[in-house]
C-alpha atoms as a PDB file:
ATOM      1  CA  MET A   1      -0.089  -0.162   0.168  1.00  0.00           C
ATOM      2  CA  LYS A   2       2.898   2.214   1.108  1.00  0.00           C
ATOM      3  CA  GLN A   3       4.339   1.470  -2.353  1.00  0.00           C
ATOM      4  CA  VAL A   4       1.126   2.704  -4.393  1.00  0.00           C
ATOM      5  CA  SER A   5       0.911   5.852  -2.148  1.00  0.00           C
ATOM      6  CA  TYR A   6       4.658   7.025  -3.249  1.00  0.00           C
ATOM      7  CA  ILE A   7       3.312   6.135  -6.694  1.00  0.00           C
ATOM      8  CA  LEU A   8       0.194   8.498  -6.648  1.00  0.00           C
ATOM      9  CA  LEU A   9       2.523  11.199  -5.079  1.00  0.00           C
ATOM     10  CA  PHE A  10       4.845  11.230  -7.839  1.00  0.00           C
ATOM     11  CA  ALA A  11       1.858  11.423 -10.356  1.00  0.00           C
ATOM     12  CA  PHE A  12       0.141  13.792  -9.341  1.00  0.00           C
ATOM     13  CA  LEU A  13       2.923  16.393  -7.953  1.00  0.00           C
ATOM     14  CA  PRO A  14       4.133  17.107 -11.392  1.00  0.00           C
ATOM     15  CA  ILE A  15       0.118  18.445 -11.491  1.00  0.00           C
ATOM     16  CA  GLY A  16       0.486  20.672  -8.583  1.00  0.00           C
ATOM     17  CA  LEU A  17       3.485  22.240 -10.013  1.00  0.00           C
ATOM     18  CA  PHE A  18       1.851  23.283 -12.953  1.00  0.00           C
ATOM     19  CA  ALA A  19      -0.727  24.459 -10.982  1.00  0.00           C
ATOM     20  CA  GLN A  20       1.145  27.011  -9.046  1.00  0.00           C
ATOM     21  CA  GLU A  21       2.480  28.288 -12.204  1.00  0.00           C
ATOM     22  CA  SER A  22      -0.790  29.181 -13.921  1.00  0.00           C
ATOM     23  CA  ASP A  23      -1.547  31.382 -11.314  1.00  0.00           C
ATOM     24  CA  SER A  24       0.597  34.104 -12.526  1.00  0.00           C
ATOM     25  CA  PRO A  25      -0.473  36.542 -14.964  1.00  0.00           C
ATOM     26  CA  GLN A  26       0.516  36.017 -18.322  1.00  0.00           C
ATOM     27  CA  PRO A  27       2.061  38.263 -20.351  1.00  0.00           C
ATOM     28  CA  GLU A  28      -0.169  40.568 -22.646  1.00  0.00           C
ATOM     29  CA  PRO A  29       1.202  41.534 -26.306  1.00  0.00           C
ATOM     30  CA  TYR A  30       1.871  44.948 -26.175  1.00  0.00           C
ATOM     31  CA  PHE A  31       4.392  45.790 -29.486  1.00  0.00           C
ATOM     32  CA  THR A  32       6.095  44.536 -32.843  1.00  0.00           C
ATOM     33  CA  ALA A  33       9.229  46.188 -34.015  1.00  0.00           C
ATOM     34  CA  LEU A  34      10.253  45.850 -37.311  1.00  0.00           C
ATOM     35  CA  ILE A  35      13.814  47.105 -39.254  1.00  0.00           C
ATOM     36  CA  VAL A  36      12.827  48.500 -42.297  1.00  0.00           C
ATOM     37  CA  GLY A  37      14.338  49.383 -45.194  1.00  0.00           C
ATOM     38  CA  ASN A  38      12.728  52.929 -45.866  1.00  0.00           C
ATOM     39  CA  ILE A  39      10.769  54.529 -42.540  1.00  0.00           C
ATOM     40  CA  ASP A  40       8.918  57.178 -45.002  1.00  0.00           C
ATOM     41  CA  THR A  41       7.542  54.036 -47.363  1.00  0.00           C
ATOM     42  CA  SER A  42       6.494  51.829 -44.434  1.00  0.00           C
ATOM     43  CA  LEU A  43       5.072  54.439 -42.457  1.00  0.00           C
ATOM     44  CA  ALA A  44       2.964  55.609 -44.936  1.00  0.00           C
ATOM     45  CA  TRP A  45       2.550  52.203 -45.693  1.00  0.00           C
ATOM     46  CA  TYR A  46       0.648  51.144 -42.001  1.00  0.00           C
ATOM     47  CA  THR A  47      -0.991  54.829 -41.797  1.00  0.00           C
ATOM     48  CA  LYS A  48      -2.570  53.938 -44.858  1.00  0.00           C
ATOM     49  CA  ASN A  49      -3.279  50.317 -45.090  1.00  0.00           C
ATOM     50  CA  LEU A  50      -3.811  49.237 -41.965  1.00  0.00           C
ATOM     51  CA  GLY A  51      -4.920  52.239 -40.452  1.00  0.00           C
ATOM     52  CA  TYR A  52      -2.198  52.980 -38.036  1.00  0.00           C
ATOM     53  CA  GLU A  53      -1.546  56.579 -36.746  1.00  0.00           C
ATOM     54  CA  LEU A  54       2.070  57.971 -36.055  1.00  0.00           C
ATOM     55  CA  LEU A  55       2.504  58.586 -32.032  1.00  0.00           C
ATOM     56  CA  ASN A  56       5.989  59.854 -32.250  1.00  0.00           C
ATOM     57  CA  GLN A  57       9.177  59.782 -34.677  1.00  0.00           C
ATOM     58  CA  VAL A  58      12.915  60.108 -33.890  1.00  0.00           C
ATOM     59  CA  ASP A  59      15.667  60.894 -36.234  1.00  0.00           C
ATOM     60  CA  LEU A  60      19.329  60.130 -35.472  1.00  0.00           C
ATOM     61  CA  LYS A  61      20.737  60.563 -38.713  1.00  0.00           C
ATOM     62  CA  GLU A  62      24.537  61.112 -37.295  1.00  0.00           C
ATOM     63  CA  ARG A  63      24.182  57.421 -35.589  1.00  0.00           C
ATOM     64  CA  GLY A  64      22.534  56.392 -38.611  1.00  0.00           C
ATOM     65  CA  LEU A  65      18.994  55.816 -36.989  1.00  0.00           C
ATOM     66  CA  ARG A  66      15.653  56.653 -37.672  1.00  0.00           C
ATOM     67  CA  MET A  67      12.435  55.151 -35.451  1.00  0.00           C
ATOM     68  CA  ALA A  68       8.489  55.552 -35.232  1.00  0.00           C
ATOM     69  CA  ASN A  69       6.121  54.546 -32.876  1.00  0.00           C
ATOM     70  CA  LEU A  70       2.380  53.659 -34.134  1.00  0.00           C
ATOM     71  CA  ARG A  71      -0.552  52.870 -32.433  1.00  0.00           C
ATOM     72  CA  SER A  72      -3.838  51.485 -33.983  1.00  0.00           C
ATOM     73  CA  GLY A  73      -6.486  50.126 -30.747  1.00  0.00           C
ATOM     74  CA  GLU A  74      -4.220  48.347 -28.461  1.00  0.00           C
ATOM     75  CA  GLY A  75      -1.591  47.684 -30.896  1.00  0.00           C
ATOM     76  CA  TRP A  76       1.957  49.304 -31.371  1.00  0.00           C
ATOM     77  CA  ILE A  77       4.286  49.261 -33.700  1.00  0.00           C
ATOM     78  CA  GLU A  78       7.728  50.242 -33.694  1.00  0.00           C
ATOM     79  CA  LEU A  79       9.417  51.105 -37.141  1.00  0.00           C
ATOM     80  CA  ILE A  80      13.187  51.032 -37.204  1.00  0.00           C
ATOM     81  CA  GLU A  81      15.583  52.382 -40.245  1.00  0.00           C
ATOM     82  CA  ILE A  82      19.115  51.582 -39.775  1.00  0.00           C
ATOM     83  CA  LYS A  83      21.790  52.550 -42.149  1.00  0.00           C
ATOM     84  CA  ASP A  84      23.651  49.622 -42.123  1.00  0.00           C
ATOM     85  CA  ALA A  85      20.784  46.680 -41.893  1.00  0.00           C
ATOM     86  CA  VAL A  86      20.227  44.288 -44.397  1.00  0.00           C
ATOM     87  CA  SER A  87      17.685  42.668 -46.384  1.00  0.00           C
ATOM     88  CA  PRO A  88      17.309  38.878 -46.143  1.00  0.00           C
ATOM     89  CA  GLN A  89      17.234  39.112 -50.207  1.00  0.00           C
ATOM     90  CA  GLU A  90      20.482  40.619 -49.978  1.00  0.00           C
ATOM     91  CA  LEU A  91      21.968  37.587 -47.857  1.00  0.00           C
ATOM     92  CA  GLN A  92      19.758  35.280 -50.182  1.00  0.00           C
ATOM     93  CA  ASN A  93      21.829  35.481 -53.459  1.00  0.00           C
ATOM     94  CA  ASP A  94      21.827  32.269 -55.290  1.00  0.00           C
ATOM     95  CA  ALA A  95      18.904  30.695 -52.253  1.00  0.00           C
ATOM     96  CA  SER A  96      15.648  29.866 -53.409  1.00  0.00           C
ATOM     97  CA  LYS A  97      12.799  32.085 -53.193  1.00  0.00           C
ATOM     98  CA  LYS A  98      11.465  29.633 -50.843  1.00  0.00           C
ATOM     99  CA  THR A  99      14.267  30.111 -48.152  1.00  0.00           C
ATOM    100  CA  ARG A 100      13.009  30.579 -44.862  1.00  0.00           C
ATOM    101  CA  PHE A 101      15.111  32.589 -42.466  1.00  0.00           C
ATOM    102  CA  ILE A 102      14.656  31.697 -38.354  1.00  0.00           C
ATOM    103  CA  GLY A 103      13.006  34.891 -36.949  1.00  0.00           C
ATOM    104  CA  ILE A 104       9.329  36.202 -37.359  1.00  0.00           C
ATOM    105  CA  PHE A 105       7.735  34.510 -40.191  1.00  0.00           C
ATOM    106  CA  LYS A 106       4.235  36.646 -39.729  1.00  0.00           C
ATOM    107  CA  PHE A 107       2.442  38.588 -37.941  1.00  0.00           C
ATOM    108  CA  GLY A 108      -1.543  39.106 -37.414  1.00  0.00           C
ATOM    109  CA  PHE A 109      -4.593  40.882 -37.113  1.00  0.00           C
ATOM    110  CA  LEU A 110      -8.362  40.261 -36.206  1.00  0.00           C
ATOM    111  CA  VAL A 111     -10.820  42.192 -38.814  1.00  0.00           C
ATOM    112  CA  ASN A 112     -14.386  41.957 -38.970  1.00  0.00           C
ATOM    113  CA  ASP A 113     -15.040  42.171 -42.814  1.00  0.00           C
ATOM    114  CA  LEU A 114     -12.494  39.867 -44.658  1.00  0.00           C
ATOM    115  CA  ASP A 115     -13.982  40.698 -48.119  1.00  0.00           C
ATOM    116  CA  GLN A 116     -14.197  44.653 -47.801  1.00  0.00           C
ATOM    117  CA  TRP A 117     -10.386  44.373 -46.336  1.00  0.00           C
ATOM    118  CA  VAL A 118      -9.468  42.308 -49.510  1.00  0.00           C
ATOM    119  CA  LYS A 119     -10.875  45.021 -51.474  1.00  0.00           C
ATOM    120  CA  ARG A 120      -9.616  48.047 -49.840  1.00  0.00           C
ATOM    121  CA  LEU A 121      -6.382  46.351 -50.165  1.00  0.00           C
ATOM    122  CA  THR A 122      -6.454  45.264 -53.518  1.00  0.00           C
ATOM    123  CA  ASP A 123      -7.521  48.928 -54.443  1.00  0.00           C
ATOM    124  CA  SER A 124      -4.216  50.307 -52.560  1.00  0.00           C
ATOM    125  CA  GLY A 125      -2.192  48.038 -54.611  1.00  0.00           C
ATOM    126  CA  VAL A 126      -0.940  46.057 -51.598  1.00  0.00           C
ATOM    127  CA  GLU A 127       0.899  42.893 -52.490  1.00  0.00           C
ATOM    128  CA  PHE A 128      -1.242  39.477 -51.650  1.00  0.00           C
ATOM    129  CA  SER A 129       0.216  36.273 -50.708  1.00  0.00           C
ATOM    130  CA  GLY A 130      -2.383  33.834 -51.928  1.00  0.00           C
ATOM    131  CA  ASN A 131      -5.994  33.792 -51.711  1.00  0.00           C
ATOM    132  CA  ILE A 132      -8.371  33.982 -49.192  1.00  0.00           C
ATOM    133  CA  VAL A 133      -8.590  30.101 -47.420  1.00  0.00           C
ATOM    134  CA  GLU A 134     -10.078  28.840 -44.209  1.00  0.00           C
ATOM    135  CA  ASP A 135      -8.143  27.496 -41.387  1.00  0.00           C
ATOM    136  CA  SER A 136      -9.533  23.863 -40.708  1.00  0.00           C
ATOM    137  CA  ASN A 137      -8.204  24.342 -37.214  1.00  0.00           C
ATOM    138  CA  ASN A 138     -10.485  27.177 -35.839  1.00  0.00           C
ATOM    139  CA  GLY A 139     -13.007  27.783 -39.008  1.00  0.00           C
ATOM    140  CA  MET A 140     -11.487  31.245 -39.597  1.00  0.00           C
ATOM    141  CA  ARG A 141     -11.071  32.671 -43.259  1.00  0.00           C
ATOM    142  CA  MET A 142      -7.699  34.347 -43.443  1.00  0.00           C
ATOM    143  CA  ILE A 143      -5.207  36.060 -46.231  1.00  0.00           C
ATOM    144  CA  ILE A 144      -1.415  36.971 -46.208  1.00  0.00           C
ATOM    145  CA  ILE A 145      -0.598  40.475 -47.337  1.00  0.00           C
ATOM    146  CA  ARG A 146       3.152  41.816 -47.729  1.00  0.00           C
ATOM    147  CA  ASP A 147       4.318  44.905 -46.614  1.00  0.00           C
ATOM    148  CA  PRO A 148       7.094  46.888 -48.461  1.00  0.00           C
ATOM    149  CA  ASP A 149       9.836  44.883 -47.134  1.00  0.00           C
ATOM    150  CA  GLY A 150       7.926  41.876 -47.606  1.00  0.00           C
ATOM    151  CA  ASN A 151       7.159  40.881 -44.213  1.00  0.00           C
ATOM    152  CA  ARG A 152       4.030  38.606 -44.057  1.00  0.00           C
ATOM    153  CA  VAL A 153       0.706  40.310 -42.176  1.00  0.00           C
ATOM    154  CA  GLN A 154      -2.365  37.694 -41.828  1.00  0.00           C
ATOM    155  CA  LEU A 155      -5.485  39.010 -41.762  1.00  0.00           C
ATOM    156  CA  PHE A 156      -7.850  36.598 -39.733  1.00  0.00           C
ATOM    157  CA  GLU A 157     -11.359  37.213 -40.291  1.00  0.00           C
ATOM    158  CA  LYS A 158     -13.368  37.836 -36.589  1.00  0.00           C
ATOM    159  CA  LYS A 159     -16.056  35.022 -36.195  1.00  0.00           C
ATOM    160  CA  SER A 160     -19.687  36.410 -35.477  1.00  0.00           C
END
């Protein structure tokens, strides 16, 4: 009987440890920072196409650095232009267009009416990566667009 008690103790001990961890508050998304090729181009793209507003901008040209903070609702984006930054395309040379680099692959937004967003972005000349698809896991429709630096921005349609 003692042996069974020890087995049960060790079987349920990890559950108790994990339960204690879940009592701590989860981090909340706060902002995304992107190194961009041209801050003026990216600033215009994010304000025009995704409705972000410019909060502030810092130009430290002597250090080869320009930054801008944008906000849309609770979402913040920090755009950073660094004089000596290198694009993935410059590093690819002989690599295939399908080569993937370690790092951020895409980031996403929820929208109310995906069809309306697609029309609006099409009219604005935004580059799309594929067509609208439905995620078989959650049933949400989505599409991926590209910002001026080729970053993938995914739009998910909110479920009603």
